[in-house]
Amino acid sequence: MIGGNTVALMGLGLPGELAAIVGADYQLVVGIGTAQVGARSIVGDNAELNVSVGQTAVILPFVQAVAEPVFAFNSSSTATSALVFVPVGHTLNNTLNASLAVPQNKAAIFWQYKPKFWASILSV
């Protein structure tokens, strides 16, 4: 699929809400703490994770639509894994309130296969 960011798609006449779904808006997300509660929120579906020791936690969007993937890449300059949590009360790979450790220079794809149930794929 050929994509673009939300602003570019809206400039081509696509309605804002649809452009936000189709667009691949980039977000730099800096980790906060190491726990699900208080973790930095990912907004959108294309995130670059920047984490450091003790500041590794990010959380997936609470309002993400079913079957709409979230792409995340850990670009940390240190050998630190990002902890990507699901929203409170959700499951990840069949575990309630879980996280996936995304190592430095690795990517992951997350999606809800049904409401509040997330799955993930981690790059090798």
PDB file of N, CA and C in Angstrom:
ATOM      1  N   MET A   1       0.837  -1.171   0.000  1.00  0.00           N
ATOM      2  CA  MET A   1       0.000   0.000   0.000  1.00  0.00           C
ATOM      3  C   MET A   1       0.885   1.238   0.000  1.00  0.00           C
ATOM      4  N   ILE A   2       0.573   2.177  -0.822  1.00  0.00           N
ATOM      5  CA  ILE A   2       1.282   3.445  -0.830  1.00  0.00           C
ATOM      6  C   ILE A   2       0.675   4.309   0.257  1.00  0.00           C
ATOM      7  N   GLY A   3       1.503   4.848   1.114  1.00  0.00           N
ATOM      8  CA  GLY A   3       0.987   5.645   2.215  1.00  0.00           C
ATOM      9  C   GLY A   3       1.607   7.020   2.239  1.00  0.00           C
ATOM     10  N   GLY A   4       1.159   7.820   3.123  1.00  0.00           N
ATOM     11  CA  GLY A   4       1.688   9.148   3.339  1.00  0.00           C
ATOM     12  C   GLY A   4       1.294   9.568   4.731  1.00  0.00           C
ATOM     13  N   ASN A   5       1.704  10.756   5.129  1.00  0.00           N
ATOM     14  CA  ASN A   5       1.283  11.179   6.453  1.00  0.00           C
ATOM     15  C   ASN A   5      -0.096  11.821   6.383  1.00  0.00           C
ATOM     16  N   THR A   6      -0.688  12.016   7.546  1.00  0.00           N
ATOM     17  CA  THR A   6      -2.055  12.523   7.632  1.00  0.00           C
ATOM     18  C   THR A   6      -2.212  13.872   6.940  1.00  0.00           C
ATOM     19  N   VAL A   7      -1.286  14.783   7.169  1.00  0.00           N
ATOM     20  CA  VAL A   7      -1.387  16.120   6.585  1.00  0.00           C
ATOM     21  C   VAL A   7      -1.351  16.055   5.059  1.00  0.00           C
ATOM     22  N   ALA A   8      -0.446  15.252   4.504  1.00  0.00           N
ATOM     23  CA  ALA A   8      -0.347  15.131   3.047  1.00  0.00           C
ATOM     24  C   ALA A   8      -1.631  14.546   2.468  1.00  0.00           C
ATOM     25  N   LEU A   9      -2.185  13.537   3.120  1.00  0.00           N
ATOM     26  CA  LEU A   9      -3.411  12.926   2.624  1.00  0.00           C
ATOM     27  C   LEU A   9      -4.595  13.885   2.701  1.00  0.00           C
ATOM     28  N   MET A  10      -4.659  14.681   3.767  1.00  0.00           N
ATOM     29  CA  MET A  10      -5.725  15.675   3.872  1.00  0.00           C
ATOM     30  C   MET A  10      -5.564  16.731   2.782  1.00  0.00           C
ATOM     31  N   GLY A  11      -4.328  17.059   2.436  1.00  0.00           N
ATOM     32  CA  GLY A  11      -4.071  18.015   1.368  1.00  0.00           C
ATOM     33  C   GLY A  11      -4.542  17.517   0.019  1.00  0.00           C
ATOM     34  N   LEU A  12      -4.647  16.204  -0.114  1.00  0.00           N
ATOM     35  CA  LEU A  12      -5.156  15.616  -1.350  1.00  0.00           C
ATOM     36  C   LEU A  12      -6.674  15.465  -1.338  1.00  0.00           C
ATOM     37  N   GLY A  13      -7.310  15.921  -0.242  1.00  0.00           N
ATOM     38  CA  GLY A  13      -8.764  15.903  -0.175  1.00  0.00           C
ATOM     39  C   GLY A  13      -9.359  14.786   0.661  1.00  0.00           C
ATOM     40  N   LEU A  14      -8.540  13.946   1.278  1.00  0.00           N
ATOM     41  CA  LEU A  14      -9.066  12.875   2.121  1.00  0.00           C
ATOM     42  C   LEU A  14      -9.577  13.470   3.432  1.00  0.00           C
ATOM     43  N   PRO A  15     -10.751  13.073   3.911  1.00  0.00           N
ATOM     44  CA  PRO A  15     -11.260  13.585   5.188  1.00  0.00           C
ATOM     45  C   PRO A  15     -10.279  13.284   6.324  1.00  0.00           C
ATOM     46  N   GLY A  16     -10.215  14.171   7.306  1.00  0.00           N
ATOM     47  CA  GLY A  16      -9.246  14.081   8.394  1.00  0.00           C
ATOM     48  C   GLY A  16      -9.216  12.756   9.124  1.00  0.00           C
ATOM     49  N   GLU A  17     -10.370  12.232   9.500  1.00  0.00           N
ATOM     50  CA  GLU A  17     -10.415  10.979  10.254  1.00  0.00           C
ATOM     51  C   GLU A  17      -9.868   9.817   9.424  1.00  0.00           C
ATOM     52  N   LEU A  18     -10.250   9.742   8.172  1.00  0.00           N
ATOM     53  CA  LEU A  18      -9.749   8.685   7.291  1.00  0.00           C
ATOM     54  C   LEU A  18      -8.255   8.869   7.037  1.00  0.00           C
ATOM     55  N   ALA A  19      -7.808  10.106   6.851  1.00  0.00           N
ATOM     56  CA  ALA A  19      -6.385  10.375   6.632  1.00  0.00           C
ATOM     57  C   ALA A  19      -5.557   9.941   7.834  1.00  0.00           C
ATOM     58  N   ALA A  20      -6.087  10.112   9.048  1.00  0.00           N
ATOM     59  CA  ALA A  20      -5.377   9.698  10.257  1.00  0.00           C
ATOM     60  C   ALA A  20      -5.242   8.185  10.332  1.00  0.00           C
ATOM     61  N   ILE A  21      -6.240   7.470   9.847  1.00  0.00           N
ATOM     62  CA  ILE A  21      -6.182   6.008   9.854  1.00  0.00           C
ATOM     63  C   ILE A  21      -5.199   5.499   8.810  1.00  0.00           C
ATOM     64  N   VAL A  22      -5.234   6.070   7.624  1.00  0.00           N
ATOM     65  CA  VAL A  22      -4.394   5.624   6.516  1.00  0.00           C
ATOM     66  C   VAL A  22      -2.969   6.163   6.637  1.00  0.00           C
ATOM     67  N   GLY A  23      -2.823   7.369   7.154  1.00  0.00           N
ATOM     68  CA  GLY A  23      -1.512   8.020   7.228  1.00  0.00           C
ATOM     69  C   GLY A  23      -0.549   7.290   8.142  1.00  0.00           C
ATOM     70  N   ALA A  24       0.727   7.401   7.850  1.00  0.00           N
ATOM     71  CA  ALA A  24       1.769   6.767   8.648  1.00  0.00           C
ATOM     72  C   ALA A  24       2.542   7.847   9.392  1.00  0.00           C
ATOM     73  N   ASP A  25       1.864   8.550  10.281  1.00  0.00           N
ATOM     74  CA  ASP A  25       2.508   9.638  11.014  1.00  0.00           C
ATOM     75  C   ASP A  25       3.584   9.089  11.942  1.00  0.00           C
ATOM     76  N   TYR A  26       4.741   9.727  11.917  1.00  0.00           N
ATOM     77  CA  TYR A  26       5.889   9.339  12.720  1.00  0.00           C
ATOM     78  C   TYR A  26       5.829  10.026  14.073  1.00  0.00           C
ATOM     79  N   GLN A  27       6.206   9.288  15.127  1.00  0.00           N
ATOM     80  CA  GLN A  27       6.282   9.865  16.464  1.00  0.00           C
ATOM     81  C   GLN A  27       7.522   9.342  17.156  1.00  0.00           C
ATOM     82  N   LEU A  28       8.333  10.241  17.728  1.00  0.00           N
ATOM     83  CA  LEU A  28       9.457   9.854  18.571  1.00  0.00           C
ATOM     84  C   LEU A  28       8.922   9.744  19.986  1.00  0.00           C
ATOM     85  N   VAL A  29       9.084   8.563  20.603  1.00  0.00           N
ATOM     86  CA  VAL A  29       8.540   8.309  21.938  1.00  0.00           C
ATOM     87  C   VAL A  29       9.698   8.023  22.887  1.00  0.00           C
ATOM     88  N   VAL A  30       9.847   8.867  23.911  1.00  0.00           N
ATOM     89  CA  VAL A  30      10.889   8.690  24.908  1.00  0.00           C
ATOM     90  C   VAL A  30      10.292   7.952  26.098  1.00  0.00           C
ATOM     91  N   GLY A  31      10.917   6.853  26.500  1.00  0.00           N
ATOM     92  CA  GLY A  31      10.400   6.034  27.596  1.00  0.00           C
ATOM     93  C   GLY A  31      10.357   6.776  28.924  1.00  0.00           C
ATOM     94  N   ILE A  32       9.426   6.352  29.776  1.00  0.00           N
ATOM     95  CA  ILE A  32       9.304   6.883  31.139  1.00  0.00           C
ATOM     96  C   ILE A  32       9.198   5.699  32.092  1.00  0.00           C
ATOM     97  N   GLY A  33      10.058   5.628  33.074  1.00  0.00           N
ATOM     98  CA  GLY A  33       9.986   4.585  34.087  1.00  0.00           C
ATOM     99  C   GLY A  33      10.104   3.184  33.504  1.00  0.00           C
ATOM    100  N   THR A  34       9.653   2.214  34.280  1.00  0.00           N
ATOM    101  CA  THR A  34       9.741   0.812  33.849  1.00  0.00           C
ATOM    102  C   THR A  34       8.430   0.059  34.042  1.00  0.00           C
ATOM    103  N   ALA A  35       7.350   0.769  34.345  1.00  0.00           N
ATOM    104  CA  ALA A  35       6.075   0.119  34.656  1.00  0.00           C
ATOM    105  C   ALA A  35       4.987   0.524  33.668  1.00  0.00           C
ATOM    106  N   GLN A  36       3.937  -0.289  33.623  1.00  0.00           N
ATOM    107  CA  GLN A  36       2.799  -0.016  32.744  1.00  0.00           C
ATOM    108  C   GLN A  36       2.117   1.299  33.131  1.00  0.00           C
ATOM    109  N   VAL A  37       1.862   1.475  34.416  1.00  0.00           N
ATOM    110  CA  VAL A  37       1.223   2.703  34.883  1.00  0.00           C
ATOM    111  C   VAL A  37       2.249   3.824  34.838  1.00  0.00           C
ATOM    112  N   GLY A  38       1.929   4.896  34.155  1.00  0.00           N
ATOM    113  CA  GLY A  38       2.829   6.028  34.020  1.00  0.00           C
ATOM    114  C   GLY A  38       3.731   5.964  32.803  1.00  0.00           C
ATOM    115  N   ALA A  39       3.617   4.900  32.006  1.00  0.00           N
ATOM    116  CA  ALA A  39       4.442   4.767  30.805  1.00  0.00           C
ATOM    117  C   ALA A  39       4.063   5.835  29.785  1.00  0.00           C
ATOM    118  N   ARG A  40       5.011   6.195  28.930  1.00  0.00           N
ATOM    119  CA  ARG A  40       4.768   7.193  27.874  1.00  0.00           C
ATOM    120  C   ARG A  40       3.848   6.596  26.811  1.00  0.00           C
ATOM    121  N   SER A  41       2.836   7.322  26.412  1.00  0.00           N
ATOM    122  CA  SER A  41       1.861   6.836  25.431  1.00  0.00           C
ATOM    123  C   SER A  41       2.376   6.960  24.003  1.00  0.00           C
ATOM    124  N   ILE A  42       2.157   5.914  23.238  1.00  0.00           N
ATOM    125  CA  ILE A  42       2.356   5.977  21.796  1.00  0.00           C
ATOM    126  C   ILE A  42       1.070   6.538  21.213  1.00  0.00           C
ATOM    127  N   VAL A  43       1.193   7.542  20.371  1.00  0.00           N
ATOM    128  CA  VAL A  43       0.037   8.135  19.719  1.00  0.00           C
ATOM    129  C   VAL A  43       0.207   7.879  18.225  1.00  0.00           C
ATOM    130  N   GLY A  44      -0.694   7.149  17.637  1.00  0.00           N
ATOM    131  CA  GLY A  44      -0.581   6.844  16.219  1.00  0.00           C
ATOM    132  C   GLY A  44      -0.064   5.445  15.983  1.00  0.00           C
ATOM    133  N   ASP A  45       0.403   5.228  14.759  1.00  0.00           N
ATOM    134  CA  ASP A  45       0.739   3.859  14.375  1.00  0.00           C
ATOM    135  C   ASP A  45       2.162   3.670  13.866  1.00  0.00           C
ATOM    136  N   ASN A  46       3.043   4.662  14.087  1.00  0.00           N
ATOM    137  CA  ASN A  46       4.408   4.573  13.586  1.00  0.00           C
ATOM    138  C   ASN A  46       5.334   5.247  14.587  1.00  0.00           C
ATOM    139  N   ALA A  47       5.941   4.460  15.482  1.00  0.00           N
ATOM    140  CA  ALA A  47       6.708   5.036  16.584  1.00  0.00           C
ATOM    141  C   ALA A  47       8.173   4.623  16.555  1.00  0.00           C
ATOM    142  N   GLU A  48       9.033   5.608  16.810  1.00  0.00           N
ATOM    143  CA  GLU A  48      10.448   5.350  17.061  1.00  0.00           C
ATOM    144  C   GLU A  48      10.627   5.466  18.567  1.00  0.00           C
ATOM    145  N   LEU A  49      11.125   4.400  19.187  1.00  0.00           N
ATOM    146  CA  LEU A  49      11.272   4.366  20.638  1.00  0.00           C
ATOM    147  C   LEU A  49      12.687   4.767  21.011  1.00  0.00           C
ATOM    148  N   ASN A  50      12.810   5.701  21.950  1.00  0.00           N
ATOM    149  CA  ASN A  50      14.104   6.149  22.432  1.00  0.00           C
ATOM    150  C   ASN A  50      14.099   5.929  23.936  1.00  0.00           C
ATOM    151  N   VAL A  51      14.835   4.943  24.389  1.00  0.00           N
ATOM    152  CA  VAL A  51      14.827   4.576  25.802  1.00  0.00           C
ATOM    153  C   VAL A  51      16.250   4.603  26.350  1.00  0.00           C
ATOM    154  N   SER A  52      16.338   4.666  27.672  1.00  0.00           N
ATOM    155  CA  SER A  52      17.624   4.585  28.358  1.00  0.00           C
ATOM    156  C   SER A  52      17.409   3.811  29.652  1.00  0.00           C
ATOM    157  N   VAL A  53      18.484   3.483  30.328  1.00  0.00           N
ATOM    158  CA  VAL A  53      18.394   2.698  31.558  1.00  0.00           C
ATOM    159  C   VAL A  53      17.433   3.368  32.532  1.00  0.00           C
ATOM    160  N   GLY A  54      16.463   2.612  33.024  1.00  0.00           N
ATOM    161  CA  GLY A  54      15.488   3.124  33.972  1.00  0.00           C
ATOM    162  C   GLY A  54      14.356   3.928  33.348  1.00  0.00           C
ATOM    163  N   GLN A  55      14.426   4.198  32.053  1.00  0.00           N
ATOM    164  CA  GLN A  55      13.394   4.960  31.343  1.00  0.00           C
ATOM    165  C   GLN A  55      12.994   4.176  30.090  1.00  0.00           C
ATOM    166  N   THR A  56      12.374   3.030  30.295  1.00  0.00           N
ATOM    167  CA  THR A  56      12.154   2.093  29.190  1.00  0.00           C
ATOM    168  C   THR A  56      10.702   1.873  28.804  1.00  0.00           C
ATOM    169  N   ALA A  57       9.738   2.358  29.589  1.00  0.00           N
ATOM    170  CA  ALA A  57       8.335   1.981  29.394  1.00  0.00           C
ATOM    171  C   ALA A  57       7.577   2.908  28.446  1.00  0.00           C
ATOM    172  N   VAL A  58       6.887   2.294  27.491  1.00  0.00           N
ATOM    173  CA  VAL A  58       5.934   2.977  26.616  1.00  0.00           C
ATOM    174  C   VAL A  58       4.665   2.129  26.583  1.00  0.00           C
ATOM    175  N   ILE A  59       3.562   2.743  26.205  1.00  0.00           N
ATOM    176  CA  ILE A  59       2.290   2.014  26.209  1.00  0.00           C
ATOM    177  C   ILE A  59       1.560   2.241  24.888  1.00  0.00           C
ATOM    178  N   LEU A  60       0.958   1.184  24.392  1.00  0.00           N
ATOM    179  CA  LEU A  60       0.237   1.230  23.118  1.00  0.00           C
ATOM    180  C   LEU A  60      -1.015   2.101  23.237  1.00  0.00           C
ATOM    181  N   PRO A  61      -1.502   2.623  22.117  1.00  0.00           N
ATOM    182  CA  PRO A  61      -2.678   3.505  22.149  1.00  0.00           C
ATOM    183  C   PRO A  61      -3.929   2.778  22.650  1.00  0.00           C
ATOM    184  N   PHE A  62      -4.631   3.409  23.563  1.00  0.00           N
ATOM    185  CA  PHE A  62      -5.864   2.831  24.104  1.00  0.00           C
ATOM    186  C   PHE A  62      -6.977   2.819  23.063  1.00  0.00           C
ATOM    187  N   VAL A  63      -6.941   3.755  22.133  1.00  0.00           N
ATOM    188  CA  VAL A  63      -8.018   3.905  21.156  1.00  0.00           C
ATOM    189  C   VAL A  63      -7.701   3.264  19.804  1.00  0.00           C
ATOM    190  N   GLN A  64      -6.681   2.458  19.724  1.00  0.00           N
ATOM    191  CA  GLN A  64      -6.320   1.830  18.448  1.00  0.00           C
ATOM    192  C   GLN A  64      -7.433   0.887  17.985  1.00  0.00           C
ATOM    193  N   ALA A  65      -7.784   0.969  16.722  1.00  0.00           N
ATOM    194  CA  ALA A  65      -8.845   0.139  16.164  1.00  0.00           C
ATOM    195  C   ALA A  65      -8.389  -1.310  16.026  1.00  0.00           C
ATOM    196  N   VAL A  66      -9.321  -2.225  16.082  1.00  0.00           N
ATOM    197  CA  VAL A  66      -9.033  -3.642  15.858  1.00  0.00           C
ATOM    198  C   VAL A  66      -8.460  -3.790  14.449  1.00  0.00           C
ATOM    199  N   ALA A  67      -7.417  -4.589  14.333  1.00  0.00           N
ATOM    200  CA  ALA A  67      -6.726  -4.903  13.072  1.00  0.00           C
ATOM    201  C   ALA A  67      -5.920  -3.732  12.505  1.00  0.00           C
ATOM    202  N   GLU A  68      -5.773  -2.651  13.257  1.00  0.00           N
ATOM    203  CA  GLU A  68      -4.944  -1.529  12.826  1.00  0.00           C
ATOM    204  C   GLU A  68      -3.584  -1.643  13.523  1.00  0.00           C
ATOM    205  N   PRO A  69      -2.521  -1.966  12.785  1.00  0.00           N
ATOM    206  CA  PRO A  69      -1.226  -2.214  13.421  1.00  0.00           C
ATOM    207  C   PRO A  69      -0.544  -0.960  13.938  1.00  0.00           C
ATOM    208  N   VAL A  70       0.294  -1.178  14.952  1.00  0.00           N
ATOM    209  CA  VAL A  70       1.202  -0.151  15.463  1.00  0.00           C
ATOM    210  C   VAL A  70       2.612  -0.676  15.204  1.00  0.00           C
ATOM    211  N   PHE A  71       3.412   0.120  14.497  1.00  0.00           N
ATOM    212  CA  PHE A  71       4.788  -0.248  14.189  1.00  0.00           C
ATOM    213  C   PHE A  71       5.705   0.492  15.154  1.00  0.00           C
ATOM    214  N   ALA A  72       6.669  -0.217  15.742  1.00  0.00           N
ATOM    215  CA  ALA A  72       7.585   0.405  16.692  1.00  0.00           C
ATOM    216  C   ALA A  72       9.013  -0.062  16.420  1.00  0.00           C
ATOM    217  N   PHE A  73       9.953   0.883  16.475  1.00  0.00           N
ATOM    218  CA  PHE A  73      11.374   0.580  16.274  1.00  0.00           C
ATOM    219  C   PHE A  73      12.158   1.192  17.427  1.00  0.00           C
ATOM    220  N   ASN A  74      13.000   0.395  18.078  1.00  0.00           N
ATOM    221  CA  ASN A  74      13.823   0.882  19.184  1.00  0.00           C
ATOM    222  C   ASN A  74      15.150   1.393  18.642  1.00  0.00           C
ATOM    223  N   SER A  75      15.298   2.714  18.594  1.00  0.00           N
ATOM    224  CA  SER A  75      16.513   3.335  18.065  1.00  0.00           C
ATOM    225  C   SER A  75      17.457   3.788  19.171  1.00  0.00           C
ATOM    226  N   SER A  76      17.299   3.253  20.360  1.00  0.00           N
ATOM    227  CA  SER A  76      18.114   3.658  21.498  1.00  0.00           C
ATOM    228  C   SER A  76      19.604   3.612  21.164  1.00  0.00           C
ATOM    229  N   SER A  77      20.339   4.610  21.635  1.00  0.00           N
ATOM    230  CA  SER A  77      21.786   4.638  21.398  1.00  0.00           C
ATOM    231  C   SER A  77      22.537   3.782  22.414  1.00  0.00           C
ATOM    232  N   THR A  78      21.825   3.256  23.394  1.00  0.00           N
ATOM    233  CA  THR A  78      22.419   2.339  24.362  1.00  0.00           C
ATOM    234  C   THR A  78      21.807   0.957  24.164  1.00  0.00           C
ATOM    235  N   ALA A  79      22.441  -0.053  24.680  1.00  0.00           N
ATOM    236  CA  ALA A  79      21.936  -1.421  24.538  1.00  0.00           C
ATOM    237  C   ALA A  79      20.805  -1.663  25.534  1.00  0.00           C
ATOM    238  N   THR A  80      19.738  -0.891  25.403  1.00  0.00           N
ATOM    239  CA  THR A  80      18.602  -0.950  26.321  1.00  0.00           C
ATOM    240  C   THR A  80      17.354  -1.365  25.561  1.00  0.00           C
ATOM    241  N   SER A  81      16.611  -2.319  26.113  1.00  0.00           N
ATOM    242  CA  SER A  81      15.358  -2.752  25.508  1.00  0.00           C
ATOM    243  C   SER A  81      14.220  -1.832  25.933  1.00  0.00           C
ATOM    244  N   ALA A  82      13.331  -1.559  25.001  1.00  0.00           N
ATOM    245  CA  ALA A  82      12.111  -0.811  25.303  1.00  0.00           C
ATOM    246  C   ALA A  82      11.053  -1.804  25.776  1.00  0.00           C
ATOM    247  N   LEU A  83      10.311  -1.444  26.791  1.00  0.00           N
ATOM    248  CA  LEU A  83       9.193  -2.259  27.257  1.00  0.00           C
ATOM    249  C   LEU A  83       7.914  -1.645  26.704  1.00  0.00           C
ATOM    250  N   VAL A  84       7.275  -2.352  25.777  1.00  0.00           N
ATOM    251  CA  VAL A  84       6.044  -1.861  25.154  1.00  0.00           C
ATOM    252  C   VAL A  84       4.873  -2.570  25.820  1.00  0.00           C
ATOM    253  N   PHE A  85       4.116  -1.812  26.598  1.00  0.00           N
ATOM    254  CA  PHE A  85       2.975  -2.354  27.338  1.00  0.00           C
ATOM    255  C   PHE A  85       1.681  -2.171  26.556  1.00  0.00           C
ATOM    256  N   VAL A  86       0.727  -3.038  26.826  1.00  0.00           N
ATOM    257  CA  VAL A  86      -0.640  -2.841  26.340  1.00  0.00           C
ATOM    258  C   VAL A  86      -1.357  -1.940  27.349  1.00  0.00           C
ATOM    259  N   PRO A  87      -2.463  -1.299  26.958  1.00  0.00           N
ATOM    260  CA  PRO A  87      -3.229  -0.520  27.926  1.00  0.00           C
ATOM    261  C   PRO A  87      -3.696  -1.395  29.098  1.00  0.00           C
ATOM    262  N   VAL A  88      -3.869  -0.776  30.239  1.00  0.00           N
ATOM    263  CA  VAL A  88      -4.314  -1.495  31.440  1.00  0.00           C
ATOM    264  C   VAL A  88      -5.613  -2.236  31.150  1.00  0.00           C
ATOM    265  N   GLY A  89      -5.664  -3.507  31.531  1.00  0.00           N
ATOM    266  CA  GLY A  89      -6.843  -4.333  31.311  1.00  0.00           C
ATOM    267  C   GLY A  89      -6.844  -5.072  29.988  1.00  0.00           C
ATOM    268  N   HIS A  90      -5.827  -4.849  29.153  1.00  0.00           N
ATOM    269  CA  HIS A  90      -5.702  -5.538  27.872  1.00  0.00           C
ATOM    270  C   HIS A  90      -4.721  -6.698  28.005  1.00  0.00           C
ATOM    271  N   THR A  91      -4.731  -7.590  27.025  1.00  0.00           N
ATOM    272  CA  THR A  91      -3.778  -8.700  27.017  1.00  0.00           C
ATOM    273  C   THR A  91      -2.829  -8.558  25.830  1.00  0.00           C
ATOM    274  N   LEU A  92      -1.630  -9.083  25.999  1.00  0.00           N
ATOM    275  CA  LEU A  92      -0.648  -9.159  24.918  1.00  0.00           C
ATOM    276  C   LEU A  92      -0.195 -10.597  24.821  1.00  0.00           C
ATOM    277  N   ASN A  93      -0.359 -11.183  23.653  1.00  0.00           N
ATOM    278  CA  ASN A  93       0.023 -12.583  23.439  1.00  0.00           C
ATOM    279  C   ASN A  93      -0.552 -13.478  24.535  1.00  0.00           C
ATOM    280  N   ASN A  94      -1.801 -13.211  24.878  1.00  0.00           N
ATOM    281  CA  ASN A  94      -2.607 -13.971  25.826  1.00  0.00           C
ATOM    282  C   ASN A  94      -2.189 -13.810  27.285  1.00  0.00           C
ATOM    283  N   THR A  95      -1.508 -12.713  27.635  1.00  0.00           N
ATOM    284  CA  THR A  95      -1.134 -12.428  29.020  1.00  0.00           C
ATOM    285  C   THR A  95      -1.656 -11.045  29.394  1.00  0.00           C
ATOM    286  N   LEU A  96      -2.434 -10.973  30.474  1.00  0.00           N
ATOM    287  CA  LEU A  96      -3.054  -9.730  30.923  1.00  0.00           C
ATOM    288  C   LEU A  96      -1.997  -8.714  31.341  1.00  0.00           C
ATOM    289  N   ASN A  97      -2.160  -7.460  30.911  1.00  0.00           N
ATOM    290  CA  ASN A  97      -1.288  -6.339  31.283  1.00  0.00           C
ATOM    291  C   ASN A  97       0.187  -6.587  30.979  1.00  0.00           C
ATOM    292  N   ALA A  98       0.466  -7.289  29.915  1.00  0.00           N
ATOM    293  CA  ALA A  98       1.836  -7.689  29.586  1.00  0.00           C
ATOM    294  C   ALA A  98       2.578  -6.614  28.789  1.00  0.00           C
ATOM    295  N   SER A  99       3.878  -6.861  28.635  1.00  0.00           N
ATOM    296  CA  SER A  99       4.706  -6.012  27.784  1.00  0.00           C
ATOM    297  C   SER A  99       5.573  -6.904  26.914  1.00  0.00           C
ATOM    298  N   LEU A 100       6.102  -6.300  25.854  1.00  0.00           N
ATOM    299  CA  LEU A 100       7.070  -6.973  24.994  1.00  0.00           C
ATOM    300  C   LEU A 100       8.357  -6.166  25.058  1.00  0.00           C
ATOM    301  N   ALA A 101       9.474  -6.826  25.345  1.00  0.00           N
ATOM    302  CA  ALA A 101      10.774  -6.164  25.342  1.00  0.00           C
ATOM    303  C   ALA A 101      11.269  -6.103  23.902  1.00  0.00           C
ATOM    304  N   VAL A 102      11.481  -4.884  23.413  1.00  0.00           N
ATOM    305  CA  VAL A 102      11.983  -4.668  22.060  1.00  0.00           C
ATOM    306  C   VAL A 102      13.441  -4.225  22.188  1.00  0.00           C
ATOM    307  N   PRO A 103      14.399  -5.105  21.856  1.00  0.00           N
ATOM    308  CA  PRO A 103      15.816  -4.771  22.010  1.00  0.00           C
ATOM    309  C   PRO A 103      16.249  -3.623  21.096  1.00  0.00           C
ATOM    310  N   GLN A 104      17.400  -3.043  21.411  1.00  0.00           N
ATOM    311  CA  GLN A 104      17.987  -1.975  20.605  1.00  0.00           C
ATOM    312  C   GLN A 104      18.089  -2.426  19.148  1.00  0.00           C
ATOM    313  N   ASN A 105      17.740  -1.530  18.233  1.00  0.00           N
ATOM    314  CA  ASN A 105      17.805  -1.757  16.783  1.00  0.00           C
ATOM    315  C   ASN A 105      16.917  -2.897  16.293  1.00  0.00           C
ATOM    316  N   LYS A 106      15.829  -3.156  17.005  1.00  0.00           N
ATOM    317  CA  LYS A 106      14.837  -4.146  16.591  1.00  0.00           C
ATOM    318  C   LYS A 106      13.488  -3.456  16.441  1.00  0.00           C
ATOM    319  N   ALA A 107      12.618  -4.091  15.678  1.00  0.00           N
ATOM    320  CA  ALA A 107      11.283  -3.553  15.431  1.00  0.00           C
ATOM    321  C   ALA A 107      10.228  -4.559  15.872  1.00  0.00           C
ATOM    322  N   ALA A 108       9.034  -4.055  16.126  1.00  0.00           N
ATOM    323  CA  ALA A 108       7.909  -4.914  16.480  1.00  0.00           C
ATOM    324  C   ALA A 108       6.636  -4.348  15.855  1.00  0.00           C
ATOM    325  N   ILE A 109       5.711  -5.244  15.587  1.00  0.00           N
ATOM    326  CA  ILE A 109       4.386  -4.869  15.101  1.00  0.00           C
ATOM    327  C   ILE A 109       3.386  -5.366  16.136  1.00  0.00           C
ATOM    328  N   PHE A 110       2.461  -4.514  16.511  1.00  0.00           N
ATOM    329  CA  PHE A 110       1.416  -4.844  17.488  1.00  0.00           C
ATOM    330  C   PHE A 110       0.056  -4.590  16.841  1.00  0.00           C
ATOM    331  N   TRP A 111      -0.926  -5.425  17.135  1.00  0.00           N
ATOM    332  CA  TRP A 111      -2.291  -5.191  16.659  1.00  0.00           C
ATOM    333  C   TRP A 111      -3.273  -5.910  17.574  1.00  0.00           C
ATOM    334  N   GLN A 112      -4.476  -5.342  17.648  1.00  0.00           N
ATOM    335  CA  GLN A 112      -5.569  -6.004  18.369  1.00  0.00           C
ATOM    336  C   GLN A 112      -6.267  -6.932  17.383  1.00  0.00           C
ATOM    337  N   TYR A 113      -6.340  -8.203  17.710  1.00  0.00           N
ATOM    338  CA  TYR A 113      -7.064  -9.123  16.840  1.00  0.00           C
ATOM    339  C   TYR A 113      -8.537  -9.194  17.224  1.00  0.00           C
ATOM    340  N   LYS A 114      -8.864  -8.698  18.401  1.00  0.00           N
ATOM    341  CA  LYS A 114     -10.230  -8.442  18.840  1.00  0.00           C
ATOM    342  C   LYS A 114     -10.104  -7.432  19.982  1.00  0.00           C
ATOM    343  N   PRO A 115     -11.189  -6.753  20.371  1.00  0.00           N
ATOM    344  CA  PRO A 115     -11.056  -5.709  21.377  1.00  0.00           C
ATOM    345  C   PRO A 115     -10.342  -6.185  22.647  1.00  0.00           C
ATOM    346  N   LYS A 116      -9.316  -5.429  23.055  1.00  0.00           N
ATOM    347  CA  LYS A 116      -8.522  -5.648  24.261  1.00  0.00           C
ATOM    348  C   LYS A 116      -7.588  -6.855  24.199  1.00  0.00           C
ATOM    349  N   PHE A 117      -7.447  -7.484  23.044  1.00  0.00           N
ATOM    350  CA  PHE A 117      -6.543  -8.629  22.891  1.00  0.00           C
ATOM    351  C   PHE A 117      -5.539  -8.309  21.789  1.00  0.00           C
ATOM    352  N   TRP A 118      -4.287  -8.125  22.176  1.00  0.00           N
ATOM    353  CA  TRP A 118      -3.222  -7.733  21.278  1.00  0.00           C
ATOM    354  C   TRP A 118      -2.314  -8.912  20.967  1.00  0.00           C
ATOM    355  N   ALA A 119      -1.718  -8.884  19.801  1.00  0.00           N
ATOM    356  CA  ALA A 119      -0.690  -9.832  19.390  1.00  0.00           C
ATOM    357  C   ALA A 119       0.511  -9.029  18.916  1.00  0.00           C
ATOM    358  N   SER A 120       1.660  -9.677  18.857  1.00  0.00           N
ATOM    359  CA  SER A 120       2.867  -8.947  18.425  1.00  0.00           C
ATOM    360  C   SER A 120       3.782  -9.851  17.615  1.00  0.00           C
ATOM    361  N   ILE A 121       4.603  -9.206  16.795  1.00  0.00           N
ATOM    362  CA  ILE A 121       5.675  -9.870  16.053  1.00  0.00           C
ATOM    363  C   ILE A 121       6.926  -9.041  16.307  1.00  0.00           C
ATOM    364  N   LEU A 122       8.007  -9.698  16.705  1.00  0.00           N
ATOM    365  CA  LEU A 122       9.282  -9.032  16.976  1.00  0.00           C
ATOM    366  C   LEU A 122      10.265  -9.417  15.880  1.00  0.00           C
ATOM    367  N   SER A 123      10.981  -8.412  15.331  1.00  0.00           N
ATOM    368  CA  SER A 123      11.964  -8.703  14.284  1.00  0.00           C
ATOM    369  C   SER A 123      13.124  -9.518  14.853  1.00  0.00           C
ATOM    370  N   VAL A 124      13.795 -10.223  13.965  1.00  0.00           N
ATOM    371  CA  VAL A 124      14.943 -11.041  14.405  1.00  0.00           C
ATOM    372  C   VAL A 124      16.238 -10.299  14.237  1.00  0.00           C
TER     373      VAL A 124
END
